[in-house]
Amino acid sequence: MKWFSIALLSLGMNTGAFASSPSDAQCPSSNFADFVKAFSSEPEVQKAFIASPVKQVHVIADGNIPKVVERSLKELATDELKVLLSENAAKSNLTIEINLPNRVIVRDQTGQFLKVFVFKHGDCWVLNRVEDWSLEAAMDEVARSEEPELSERELKKGVIFDRLVNKASPESGVYLYAAALDSYLDGARKGSAQAAFAAAGISLSGQAPRLENSRILQLLIQASERIPDAGLTLADFYCDEGEYDENHGCINPKQSMATLERAASQGSTNARIRLGEVYEMGTVVPADLPRAMACYREAQKSDLESGTSAVDRLATQGVVSDDSIQCIKAGSFR
């Protein structure tokens, strides 16, 4: 995907002491991908081309709140680098991605494992930072006190990844958003409507990778079955398929209206207000101001402020309330 290959040439090149290296150690390659291949498989190259001190970032549990800890180490534990070897990564269902100009990302597809290895270049490439964003240990600590359901654990993990973006560099933040999406998707597979809604939302936002439209549709349908307000997002998606272009009309107006009506019938006041807006503006179906008034009046019963404001706006246009007209029942799209 394009978002995986963005070249971030302005990456900080802060200086730091190199690890003492054998006098005969030679740089395997000035090409980053070739260097990483040698670095991952040859222990002597690793010893020669790791900065000292080397920065290490990891996440711990601080009560119920994961906390980012950064420290400087004279040397890395050998185990830290094992995942860079393709055979080891494959055994753990991990993927290795080289992100130019200077990062190697090792991750899985469920949000359980995420490490970022950051190199800098002088006479040769040198590993100077290891970021371990994996949350499983921290989540285990949280689970001991909260005992969330499995699907809700994945939802919470996705939320934490999303929040941790503020603690990461923009270059690493891209992968935290991806891990959040993976966590939400895992939660959705395990039955969480909230996780399904969050997965669709973060994908449509552009922060995380864009899922196929068919997958987004599945997620929004799953979410809307238990979260009435998710029906609003689903109704919008039926109209624009996530492409926010005001110049084209609604792609599937019947499905969009049926979804809004169903959400309103499930108790969503926001859906009733949206129905009123649709009938008022005529953007999905032909404008019908008396029907819009009926929808706003129904919304007024549970949201006095928004409903009253909309009712008053139509009243100033000469629209009169008519008790014989209902927001949903007459002319239903369902």
Protein backbone atom coordinates (compact mmCIF):
# COMPACT_ATOMS: atom_id res chain seq x y z
CA MET A 1 0.00 0.00 0.00
CA LYS A 2 1.16 3.53 -0.70
CA TRP A 3 1.07 4.55 2.92
CA PHE A 4 3.73 1.96 3.69
CA SER A 5 6.28 3.44 1.25
CA ILE A 6 6.22 7.15 2.02
CA ALA A 7 9.81 8.43 1.96
CA LEU A 8 10.28 10.74 4.94
CA LEU A 9 13.48 12.52 3.99
CA SER A 10 13.25 15.04 6.81
CA LEU A 11 13.76 12.39 9.48
CA GLY A 12 15.87 13.64 12.41
CA MET A 13 19.56 12.73 12.17
CA ASN A 14 20.61 13.44 15.77
CA THR A 15 24.15 12.45 16.57
CA GLY A 16 25.17 9.81 19.08
CA ALA A 17 28.19 7.72 19.87
CA PHE A 18 28.61 4.60 17.81
CA ALA A 19 29.29 1.29 19.44
CA SER A 20 32.94 0.44 19.35
CA SER A 21 33.36 -1.80 16.34
CA PRO A 22 36.13 -4.10 15.14
CA SER A 23 38.75 -2.21 13.18
CA ASP A 24 38.17 -4.45 10.22
CA ALA A 25 34.37 -4.14 10.26
CA GLN A 26 33.19 -2.91 6.90
CA CYS A 27 29.82 -1.52 5.98
CA PRO A 28 27.86 -4.29 4.23
CA SER A 29 26.14 -1.82 1.93
CA SER A 30 25.18 1.82 1.61
CA ASN A 31 21.85 0.62 0.21
CA PHE A 32 19.50 0.38 3.17
CA ALA A 33 17.61 -2.74 2.05
CA ASP A 34 20.85 -4.62 1.38
CA PHE A 35 22.30 -3.47 4.69
CA VAL A 36 19.22 -4.70 6.57
CA LYS A 37 19.54 -8.11 4.91
CA ALA A 38 23.10 -8.47 6.21
CA PHE A 39 22.31 -6.92 9.58
CA SER A 40 19.42 -9.29 10.24
CA SER A 41 21.39 -12.47 9.51
CA GLU A 42 24.98 -11.78 10.60
CA PRO A 43 25.69 -11.41 14.34
CA GLU A 44 29.05 -9.74 13.69
CA VAL A 45 27.38 -7.04 11.62
CA GLN A 46 24.88 -6.49 14.41
CA LYS A 47 27.65 -6.07 16.99
CA ALA A 48 29.50 -3.59 14.81
CA PHE A 49 26.59 -1.41 13.76
CA ILE A 50 24.49 -0.75 16.85
CA ALA A 51 24.80 2.67 18.48
CA SER A 52 25.89 2.95 22.10
CA PRO A 53 23.84 4.06 23.84
CA VAL A 54 20.86 2.76 21.88
CA LYS A 55 17.37 4.08 22.61
CA GLN A 56 14.64 1.62 23.56
CA VAL A 57 10.93 2.45 23.74
CA HIS A 58 8.31 0.12 25.18
CA VAL A 59 4.85 0.26 26.75
CA ILE A 60 4.09 -0.69 30.35
CA ALA A 61 0.93 -0.68 32.45
CA ASP A 62 0.67 2.26 34.84
CA GLY A 63 -2.41 1.17 36.75
CA ASN A 64 -5.09 0.85 34.07
CA ILE A 65 -3.31 3.24 31.70
CA PRO A 66 -0.50 2.05 29.40
CA LYS A 67 2.54 4.29 29.65
CA VAL A 68 5.36 4.83 27.15
CA VAL A 69 8.84 4.39 28.66
CA GLU A 70 12.05 5.39 26.89
CA ARG A 71 15.51 4.49 28.13
CA SER A 72 19.11 4.42 26.92
CA LEU A 73 20.95 1.10 26.91
CA LYS A 74 24.63 0.41 26.48
CA GLU A 75 23.70 -2.68 24.50
CA LEU A 76 20.62 -4.53 23.30
CA ALA A 77 19.60 -7.98 24.40
CA THR A 78 20.29 -10.47 21.62
CA ASP A 79 16.64 -11.53 21.56
CA GLU A 80 15.59 -8.03 20.45
CA LEU A 81 16.96 -8.64 16.97
CA LYS A 82 15.78 -12.21 16.34
CA VAL A 83 12.55 -11.05 14.70
CA LEU A 84 14.52 -9.32 11.95
CA LEU A 85 15.44 -12.70 10.50
CA SER A 86 12.76 -13.66 7.98
CA GLU A 87 12.64 -17.30 9.09
CA ASN A 88 11.98 -16.31 12.70
CA ALA A 89 9.37 -13.76 11.70
CA ALA A 90 7.55 -16.30 9.52
CA LYS A 91 7.36 -18.80 12.39
CA SER A 92 5.50 -16.22 14.46
CA ASN A 93 3.27 -15.05 11.58
CA LEU A 94 5.03 -11.70 11.46
CA THR A 95 5.79 -9.58 8.43
CA ILE A 96 8.94 -7.53 7.92
CA GLU A 97 8.65 -4.26 6.03
CA ILE A 98 11.48 -1.97 5.02
CA ASN A 99 10.25 1.59 5.11
CA LEU A 100 12.65 3.98 3.37
CA PRO A 101 14.70 5.82 4.21
CA ASN A 102 15.68 4.17 7.49
CA ARG A 103 13.05 2.04 9.24
CA VAL A 104 12.28 -1.66 9.55
CA ILE A 105 8.83 -2.58 10.83
CA VAL A 106 8.00 -6.02 12.18
CA ARG A 107 4.31 -6.62 12.86
CA ASP A 108 1.48 -9.12 12.78
CA GLN A 109 -2.03 -8.65 11.38
CA THR A 110 -3.99 -8.68 14.65
CA GLY A 111 -2.39 -5.82 16.56
CA GLN A 112 -0.52 -8.09 18.97
CA PHE A 113 3.04 -7.38 17.83
CA LEU A 114 4.63 -4.19 16.55
CA LYS A 115 8.31 -3.27 16.64
CA VAL A 116 10.01 -0.43 14.77
CA PHE A 117 13.78 -0.48 14.24
CA VAL A 118 15.20 2.96 13.41
CA PHE A 119 18.63 3.38 11.80
CA LYS A 120 20.74 6.43 11.05
CA HIS A 121 23.39 6.85 8.40
CA GLY A 122 26.89 8.19 8.75
CA ASP A 123 29.78 6.21 7.35
CA CYS A 124 27.34 3.30 7.42
CA TRP A 125 23.90 2.47 8.74
CA VAL A 126 23.67 2.12 12.53
CA LEU A 127 20.72 0.95 14.62
CA ASN A 128 20.05 3.71 17.15
CA ARG A 129 16.45 3.18 18.26
CA VAL A 130 14.13 0.23 18.90
CA GLU A 131 10.44 0.96 19.49
CA ASP A 132 8.37 -1.89 20.91
CA TRP A 133 4.72 -0.87 20.70
CA SER A 134 3.31 -4.32 21.48
CA LEU A 135 0.54 -4.01 24.09
CA GLU A 136 -0.08 -7.60 25.13
CA ALA A 137 1.88 -7.41 28.40
CA ALA A 138 0.28 -4.10 29.34
CA MET A 139 -3.16 -5.41 28.39
CA ASP A 140 -2.63 -8.46 30.59
CA GLU A 141 -2.04 -6.14 33.55
CA VAL A 142 -5.18 -4.17 32.76
CA ALA A 143 -7.19 -7.38 32.28
CA ARG A 144 -6.32 -8.59 35.79
CA SER A 145 -8.32 -5.73 37.25
CA GLU A 146 -11.01 -5.25 34.62
CA GLU A 147 -11.49 -8.74 33.12
CA PRO A 148 -12.95 -7.51 29.81
CA GLU A 149 -14.54 -9.88 27.34
CA LEU A 150 -12.16 -11.02 24.63
CA SER A 151 -13.71 -8.88 21.90
CA GLU A 152 -13.80 -5.87 24.21
CA ARG A 153 -10.11 -6.38 25.01
CA GLU A 154 -9.35 -6.00 21.31
CA LEU A 155 -11.52 -2.89 21.15
CA LYS A 156 -9.70 -1.34 24.10
CA LYS A 157 -6.33 -2.25 22.61
CA GLY A 158 -7.29 -0.47 19.39
CA VAL A 159 -8.28 2.62 21.34
CA ILE A 160 -4.93 2.58 23.17
CA PHE A 161 -2.98 2.27 19.91
CA ASP A 162 -4.95 5.23 18.58
CA ARG A 163 -4.07 7.31 21.64
CA LEU A 164 -0.41 6.28 21.63
CA VAL A 165 0.00 7.92 18.23
CA ASN A 166 0.46 11.19 20.13
CA LYS A 167 3.48 9.66 21.88
CA ALA A 168 5.14 8.49 18.66
CA SER A 169 6.86 10.17 15.75
CA PRO A 170 4.74 10.71 12.64
CA GLU A 171 6.72 7.97 10.90
CA SER A 172 5.92 5.41 13.62
CA GLY A 173 2.41 6.77 14.15
CA VAL A 174 1.41 5.44 10.73
CA TYR A 175 1.95 1.92 12.03
CA LEU A 176 0.19 2.55 15.32
CA TYR A 177 -2.91 3.53 13.36
CA ALA A 178 -2.53 0.33 11.34
CA ALA A 179 -2.23 -1.68 14.56
CA ALA A 180 -5.36 0.03 15.89
CA LEU A 181 -7.23 -1.02 12.76
CA ASP A 182 -5.94 -4.59 13.06
CA SER A 183 -7.07 -4.70 16.70
CA TYR A 184 -10.53 -3.38 15.85
CA LEU A 185 -10.88 -5.91 13.04
CA ASP A 186 -9.89 -8.70 15.41
CA GLY A 187 -12.51 -7.48 17.87
CA ALA A 188 -15.12 -7.34 15.10
CA ARG A 189 -14.33 -10.94 14.14
CA LYS A 190 -14.92 -11.88 17.77
CA GLY A 191 -18.35 -10.23 17.77
CA SER A 192 -17.85 -6.67 19.00
CA ALA A 193 -20.17 -4.20 17.29
CA GLN A 194 -18.20 -1.30 18.77
CA ALA A 195 -14.98 -2.70 17.33
CA ALA A 196 -16.62 -3.11 13.92
CA PHE A 197 -17.79 0.51 14.03
CA ALA A 198 -14.33 1.70 15.10
CA ALA A 199 -12.62 -0.31 12.33
CA ALA A 200 -14.84 1.21 9.66
CA GLY A 201 -14.37 4.68 11.11
CA ILE A 202 -10.58 4.67 11.34
CA SER A 203 -10.34 3.22 7.82
CA LEU A 204 -12.66 5.84 6.37
CA SER A 205 -10.80 8.60 8.25
CA GLY A 206 -7.66 8.05 6.17
CA GLN A 207 -5.52 7.56 9.28
CA ALA A 208 -5.32 3.79 8.85
CA PRO A 209 -5.15 1.80 5.60
CA ARG A 210 -8.30 1.98 3.50
CA LEU A 211 -10.23 -1.28 3.51
CA GLU A 212 -12.15 -2.52 0.49
CA ASN A 213 -15.62 -1.00 0.25
CA SER A 214 -17.23 -4.43 0.62
CA ARG A 215 -15.40 -4.95 3.93
CA ILE A 216 -16.35 -1.49 5.21
CA LEU A 217 -19.95 -2.23 4.32
CA GLN A 218 -19.86 -5.51 6.26
CA LEU A 219 -18.42 -3.76 9.30
CA LEU A 220 -21.02 -0.99 9.25
CA ILE A 221 -23.87 -3.46 8.85
CA GLN A 222 -22.51 -5.47 11.79
CA ALA A 223 -22.22 -2.33 13.89
CA SER A 224 -25.65 -0.95 12.99
CA GLU A 225 -27.40 -4.11 14.17
CA ARG A 226 -26.52 -3.23 17.76
CA ILE A 227 -25.59 0.46 17.62
CA PRO A 228 -28.43 2.54 16.16
CA ASP A 229 -26.24 5.59 15.53
CA ALA A 230 -23.92 3.46 13.40
CA GLY A 231 -26.82 3.46 10.96
CA LEU A 232 -26.08 7.11 10.17
CA THR A 233 -22.58 6.24 8.99
CA LEU A 234 -23.93 3.28 7.06
CA ALA A 235 -26.58 5.48 5.42
CA ASP A 236 -23.89 7.96 4.38
CA PHE A 237 -21.74 5.13 3.03
CA TYR A 238 -24.62 3.89 0.87
CA CYS A 239 -24.68 7.37 -0.63
CA ASP A 240 -21.02 8.26 -1.06
CA GLU A 241 -19.03 5.02 -0.46
CA GLY A 242 -16.57 7.05 1.57
CA GLU A 243 -15.78 9.49 -1.26
CA TYR A 244 -16.80 12.89 0.03
CA ASP A 245 -17.65 14.61 -3.22
CA GLU A 246 -20.58 16.99 -2.96
CA ASN A 247 -20.90 17.13 -6.74
CA HIS A 248 -22.37 13.66 -7.20
CA GLY A 249 -25.74 12.46 -5.98
CA CYS A 250 -26.50 9.58 -3.66
CA ILE A 251 -25.34 6.27 -5.16
CA ASN A 252 -27.98 4.13 -3.44
CA PRO A 253 -30.75 6.38 -2.07
CA LYS A 254 -33.22 3.57 -1.29
CA GLN A 255 -30.73 1.69 0.89
CA SER A 256 -29.60 4.90 2.53
CA MET A 257 -33.15 5.93 3.46
CA ALA A 258 -34.07 2.43 4.63
CA THR A 259 -31.03 2.43 6.90
CA LEU A 260 -31.91 5.81 8.39
CA GLU A 261 -35.48 4.71 9.00
CA ARG A 262 -34.32 1.52 10.69
CA ALA A 263 -31.93 3.45 12.92
CA ALA A 264 -34.69 5.90 13.84
CA SER A 265 -37.03 3.01 14.63
CA GLN A 266 -34.33 1.56 16.91
CA GLY A 267 -34.37 4.75 18.94
CA SER A 268 -31.70 6.93 17.36
CA THR A 269 -32.67 10.57 17.78
CA ASN A 270 -29.77 11.52 15.54
CA ALA A 271 -31.27 9.38 12.79
CA ARG A 272 -34.59 11.22 13.07
CA ILE A 273 -32.77 14.54 12.82
CA ARG A 274 -30.82 13.27 9.81
CA LEU A 275 -34.07 12.15 8.16
CA GLY A 276 -35.42 15.62 8.74
CA GLU A 277 -32.35 17.13 7.12
CA VAL A 278 -32.61 14.78 4.14
CA TYR A 279 -36.26 15.71 3.56
CA GLU A 280 -35.50 19.40 4.14
CA MET A 281 -32.51 19.61 1.79
CA GLY A 282 -33.63 17.14 -0.87
CA THR A 283 -30.12 15.71 -1.22
CA VAL A 284 -31.09 12.02 -1.21
CA VAL A 285 -34.79 12.11 -2.08
CA PRO A 286 -36.95 14.99 -3.31
CA ALA A 287 -37.46 17.69 -0.68
CA ASP A 288 -40.54 17.20 1.49
CA LEU A 289 -40.76 19.95 4.10
CA PRO A 290 -43.90 18.68 5.88
CA ARG A 291 -42.19 15.29 6.29
CA ALA A 292 -39.04 17.04 7.52
CA MET A 293 -41.15 18.88 10.10
CA ALA A 294 -42.60 15.55 11.26
CA CYS A 295 -39.12 14.09 11.73
CA TYR A 296 -37.89 17.12 13.67
CA ARG A 297 -40.96 17.07 15.91
CA GLU A 298 -40.33 13.42 16.73
CA ALA A 299 -36.68 14.18 17.47
CA GLN A 300 -37.81 17.08 19.66
CA LYS A 301 -39.28 14.60 22.15
CA SER A 302 -35.83 13.28 23.11
CA ASP A 303 -33.55 16.14 22.02
CA LEU A 304 -35.38 19.30 22.91
CA GLU A 305 -32.67 21.72 21.85
CA SER A 306 -31.81 20.33 18.40
CA GLY A 307 -35.36 19.34 17.60
CA THR A 308 -36.82 22.71 18.61
CA SER A 309 -34.20 24.61 16.63
CA ALA A 310 -35.06 22.65 13.49
CA VAL A 311 -38.81 22.99 14.04
CA ASP A 312 -38.47 26.74 14.50
CA ARG A 313 -36.33 27.03 11.37
CA LEU A 314 -39.00 25.37 9.21
CA ALA A 315 -41.77 27.34 10.91
CA THR A 316 -40.12 30.61 9.84
CA GLN A 317 -40.35 29.28 6.27
CA GLY A 318 -44.09 28.83 6.66
CA VAL A 319 -44.06 25.05 7.18
CA VAL A 320 -46.98 24.05 9.38
CA SER A 321 -46.98 20.98 11.63
CA ASP A 322 -49.46 18.35 10.45
CA ASP A 323 -50.22 15.48 12.84
CA SER A 324 -51.41 13.33 9.94
CA ILE A 325 -47.89 13.23 8.49
CA GLN A 326 -45.40 10.93 10.17
CA CYS A 327 -41.68 10.79 9.70
CA ILE A 328 -41.38 7.07 8.90
CA LYS A 329 -44.61 5.15 8.53
CA ALA A 330 -46.00 6.79 5.39
CA GLY A 331 -44.02 6.03 2.28
CA SER A 332 -41.49 3.88 4.14
CA PHE A 333 -38.43 2.76 2.20
CA ARG A 334 -38.09 -0.43 4.21
